[in-house]
Amino acid sequence: MDGDEYFPTDQSYFSLGFTSLRIMEVKSRLEKTFDCALSTNALFNSPTIEKLLEYLADEVLGDLIS
């Protein structure tokens, strides 16, 4: 993507072209970045980037900074 392109955070991973394998790769990278375990169900229950960010803010980052 170019720097001026809009990334639709409200569309499902699958409509953006992600596969289940790609979602698992994202999960693995997030776990390494935040040094924590993420629920696979959480990623599939938060099927958009917008919902994933909400989950990370509420469930992951909140634990890291409190």
N, C-alpha and C. Protein backbone atom coordinates (compact mmCIF):
# COMPACT_ATOMS: atom_id res chain seq x y z
N MET A 1 0.84 -1.18 0.00
CA MET A 1 0.00 0.00 0.00
C MET A 1 0.88 1.24 0.00
N ASP A 2 0.40 2.26 -0.66
CA ASP A 2 1.06 3.55 -0.61
C ASP A 2 0.68 4.25 0.68
N GLY A 3 1.48 5.22 1.09
CA GLY A 3 1.24 5.94 2.32
C GLY A 3 -0.06 6.69 2.37
N ASP A 4 -0.60 7.04 1.22
CA ASP A 4 -1.85 7.80 1.21
C ASP A 4 -3.09 6.93 1.00
N GLU A 5 -2.90 5.61 0.90
CA GLU A 5 -4.04 4.71 0.73
C GLU A 5 -4.75 4.48 2.05
N TYR A 6 -6.07 4.38 1.99
CA TYR A 6 -6.90 4.11 3.17
C TYR A 6 -6.97 2.61 3.40
N PHE A 7 -6.71 2.19 4.63
CA PHE A 7 -6.85 0.78 4.99
C PHE A 7 -8.18 0.62 5.70
N PRO A 8 -9.11 -0.12 5.14
CA PRO A 8 -10.45 -0.24 5.71
C PRO A 8 -10.47 -1.11 6.97
N THR A 9 -10.45 -0.48 8.12
CA THR A 9 -10.38 -1.21 9.38
C THR A 9 -11.70 -1.82 9.80
N ASP A 10 -12.78 -1.49 9.10
CA ASP A 10 -14.09 -2.01 9.47
C ASP A 10 -14.54 -3.19 8.61
N GLN A 11 -13.68 -3.66 7.71
CA GLN A 11 -14.00 -4.82 6.88
C GLN A 11 -13.39 -6.07 7.48
N SER A 12 -14.03 -7.20 7.24
CA SER A 12 -13.53 -8.45 7.80
C SER A 12 -12.18 -8.80 7.18
N TYR A 13 -11.41 -9.57 7.94
CA TYR A 13 -10.11 -10.02 7.45
C TYR A 13 -10.26 -10.72 6.09
N PHE A 14 -11.28 -11.54 5.99
CA PHE A 14 -11.45 -12.35 4.79
C PHE A 14 -11.82 -11.49 3.58
N SER A 15 -12.62 -10.44 3.78
CA SER A 15 -12.95 -9.57 2.65
C SER A 15 -11.74 -8.75 2.22
N LEU A 16 -10.75 -8.61 3.11
CA LEU A 16 -9.50 -7.92 2.77
C LEU A 16 -8.50 -8.86 2.11
N GLY A 17 -8.87 -10.15 2.00
CA GLY A 17 -8.00 -11.11 1.34
C GLY A 17 -7.16 -11.94 2.28
N PHE A 18 -7.35 -11.80 3.59
CA PHE A 18 -6.61 -12.61 4.54
C PHE A 18 -7.14 -14.04 4.49
N THR A 19 -6.28 -14.98 4.78
CA THR A 19 -6.67 -16.38 4.94
C THR A 19 -6.51 -16.75 6.41
N SER A 20 -7.00 -17.90 6.79
CA SER A 20 -6.83 -18.36 8.16
C SER A 20 -5.35 -18.44 8.52
N LEU A 21 -4.54 -18.88 7.59
CA LEU A 21 -3.09 -18.97 7.82
C LEU A 21 -2.50 -17.59 8.07
N ARG A 22 -2.89 -16.61 7.29
CA ARG A 22 -2.38 -15.25 7.45
C ARG A 22 -2.80 -14.69 8.81
N ILE A 23 -4.01 -14.98 9.24
CA ILE A 23 -4.48 -14.51 10.55
C ILE A 23 -3.63 -15.13 11.65
N MET A 24 -3.26 -16.39 11.50
CA MET A 24 -2.40 -17.04 12.49
C MET A 24 -1.00 -16.42 12.48
N GLU A 25 -0.53 -15.99 11.33
CA GLU A 25 0.76 -15.30 11.26
C GLU A 25 0.68 -13.95 11.98
N VAL A 26 -0.42 -13.25 11.80
CA VAL A 26 -0.63 -11.98 12.50
C VAL A 26 -0.65 -12.23 14.01
N LYS A 27 -1.34 -13.26 14.43
CA LYS A 27 -1.40 -13.62 15.86
C LYS A 27 0.00 -13.87 16.41
N SER A 28 0.80 -14.63 15.68
CA SER A 28 2.15 -14.93 16.11
C SER A 28 3.00 -13.67 16.24
N ARG A 29 2.88 -12.77 15.28
CA ARG A 29 3.64 -11.52 15.33
C ARG A 29 3.20 -10.64 16.50
N LEU A 30 1.89 -10.59 16.74
CA LEU A 30 1.39 -9.80 17.86
C LEU A 30 1.89 -10.38 19.19
N GLU A 31 1.89 -11.70 19.30
CA GLU A 31 2.38 -12.34 20.52
C GLU A 31 3.85 -12.01 20.75
N LYS A 32 4.64 -12.03 19.71
CA LYS A 32 6.06 -11.69 19.84
C LYS A 32 6.23 -10.22 20.18
N THR A 33 5.46 -9.37 19.54
CA THR A 33 5.57 -7.93 19.78
C THR A 33 5.21 -7.56 21.21
N PHE A 34 4.11 -8.14 21.70
CA PHE A 34 3.63 -7.79 23.03
C PHE A 34 4.08 -8.77 24.11
N ASP A 35 4.84 -9.78 23.71
CA ASP A 35 5.36 -10.79 24.64
C ASP A 35 4.24 -11.36 25.52
N CYS A 36 3.20 -11.85 24.86
CA CYS A 36 2.06 -12.43 25.58
C CYS A 36 1.39 -13.45 24.68
N ALA A 37 0.50 -14.22 25.28
CA ALA A 37 -0.28 -15.19 24.51
C ALA A 37 -1.63 -14.58 24.17
N LEU A 38 -2.04 -14.76 22.93
CA LEU A 38 -3.34 -14.29 22.48
C LEU A 38 -4.22 -15.49 22.17
N SER A 39 -5.47 -15.37 22.48
CA SER A 39 -6.42 -16.42 22.17
C SER A 39 -6.72 -16.42 20.68
N THR A 40 -6.63 -17.59 20.08
CA THR A 40 -7.00 -17.71 18.67
C THR A 40 -8.46 -17.32 18.49
N ASN A 41 -9.29 -17.71 19.44
CA ASN A 41 -10.71 -17.35 19.37
C ASN A 41 -10.89 -15.84 19.36
N ALA A 42 -10.05 -15.13 20.08
CA ALA A 42 -10.17 -13.68 20.13
C ALA A 42 -9.99 -13.06 18.74
N LEU A 43 -9.06 -13.59 17.98
CA LEU A 43 -8.86 -13.06 16.63
C LEU A 43 -10.04 -13.35 15.72
N PHE A 44 -10.60 -14.54 15.85
CA PHE A 44 -11.73 -14.89 15.00
C PHE A 44 -13.03 -14.28 15.52
N ASN A 45 -13.10 -13.97 16.81
CA ASN A 45 -14.27 -13.30 17.37
C ASN A 45 -14.19 -11.79 17.19
N SER A 46 -13.04 -11.30 16.79
CA SER A 46 -12.82 -9.89 16.49
C SER A 46 -12.44 -9.82 15.01
N PRO A 47 -13.40 -10.04 14.11
CA PRO A 47 -13.05 -10.29 12.71
C PRO A 47 -12.69 -9.08 11.86
N THR A 48 -12.47 -7.93 12.49
CA THR A 48 -12.02 -6.76 11.74
C THR A 48 -10.83 -6.16 12.46
N ILE A 49 -10.05 -5.37 11.78
CA ILE A 49 -8.91 -4.71 12.40
C ILE A 49 -9.40 -3.80 13.53
N GLU A 50 -10.51 -3.13 13.29
CA GLU A 50 -11.09 -2.24 14.30
C GLU A 50 -11.41 -3.01 15.58
N LYS A 51 -12.06 -4.16 15.46
CA LYS A 51 -12.41 -4.98 16.63
C LYS A 51 -11.15 -5.57 17.26
N LEU A 52 -10.19 -5.95 16.45
CA LEU A 52 -8.93 -6.48 16.98
C LEU A 52 -8.22 -5.42 17.81
N LEU A 53 -8.19 -4.19 17.33
CA LEU A 53 -7.55 -3.11 18.09
C LEU A 53 -8.27 -2.88 19.41
N GLU A 54 -9.59 -2.95 19.41
CA GLU A 54 -10.34 -2.81 20.65
C GLU A 54 -9.97 -3.92 21.63
N TYR A 55 -9.90 -5.15 21.12
CA TYR A 55 -9.52 -6.29 21.96
C TYR A 55 -8.12 -6.09 22.53
N LEU A 56 -7.18 -5.70 21.68
CA LEU A 56 -5.81 -5.49 22.16
C LEU A 56 -5.76 -4.39 23.22
N ALA A 57 -6.47 -3.31 23.00
CA ALA A 57 -6.46 -2.20 23.95
C ALA A 57 -7.07 -2.62 25.28
N ASP A 58 -8.17 -3.36 25.22
CA ASP A 58 -8.88 -3.74 26.44
C ASP A 58 -8.24 -4.92 27.16
N GLU A 59 -7.84 -5.94 26.43
CA GLU A 59 -7.41 -7.18 27.05
C GLU A 59 -5.90 -7.38 27.13
N VAL A 60 -5.16 -6.81 26.22
CA VAL A 60 -3.72 -7.06 26.17
C VAL A 60 -2.93 -5.87 26.69
N LEU A 61 -3.11 -4.74 26.07
CA LEU A 61 -2.34 -3.57 26.45
C LEU A 61 -2.69 -3.08 27.85
N GLY A 62 -3.94 -3.23 28.22
CA GLY A 62 -4.35 -2.83 29.57
C GLY A 62 -3.56 -3.60 30.63
N ASP A 63 -3.35 -4.88 30.40
CA ASP A 63 -2.57 -5.71 31.33
C ASP A 63 -1.10 -5.33 31.32
N LEU A 64 -0.59 -4.89 30.20
CA LEU A 64 0.83 -4.55 30.10
C LEU A 64 1.17 -3.23 30.77
N ILE A 65 0.22 -2.30 30.78
CA ILE A 65 0.53 -0.98 31.33
C ILE A 65 -0.05 -0.73 32.70
N SER A 66 -0.78 -1.70 33.24
CA SER A 66 -1.34 -1.48 34.58
C SER A 66 -0.50 -2.13 35.65
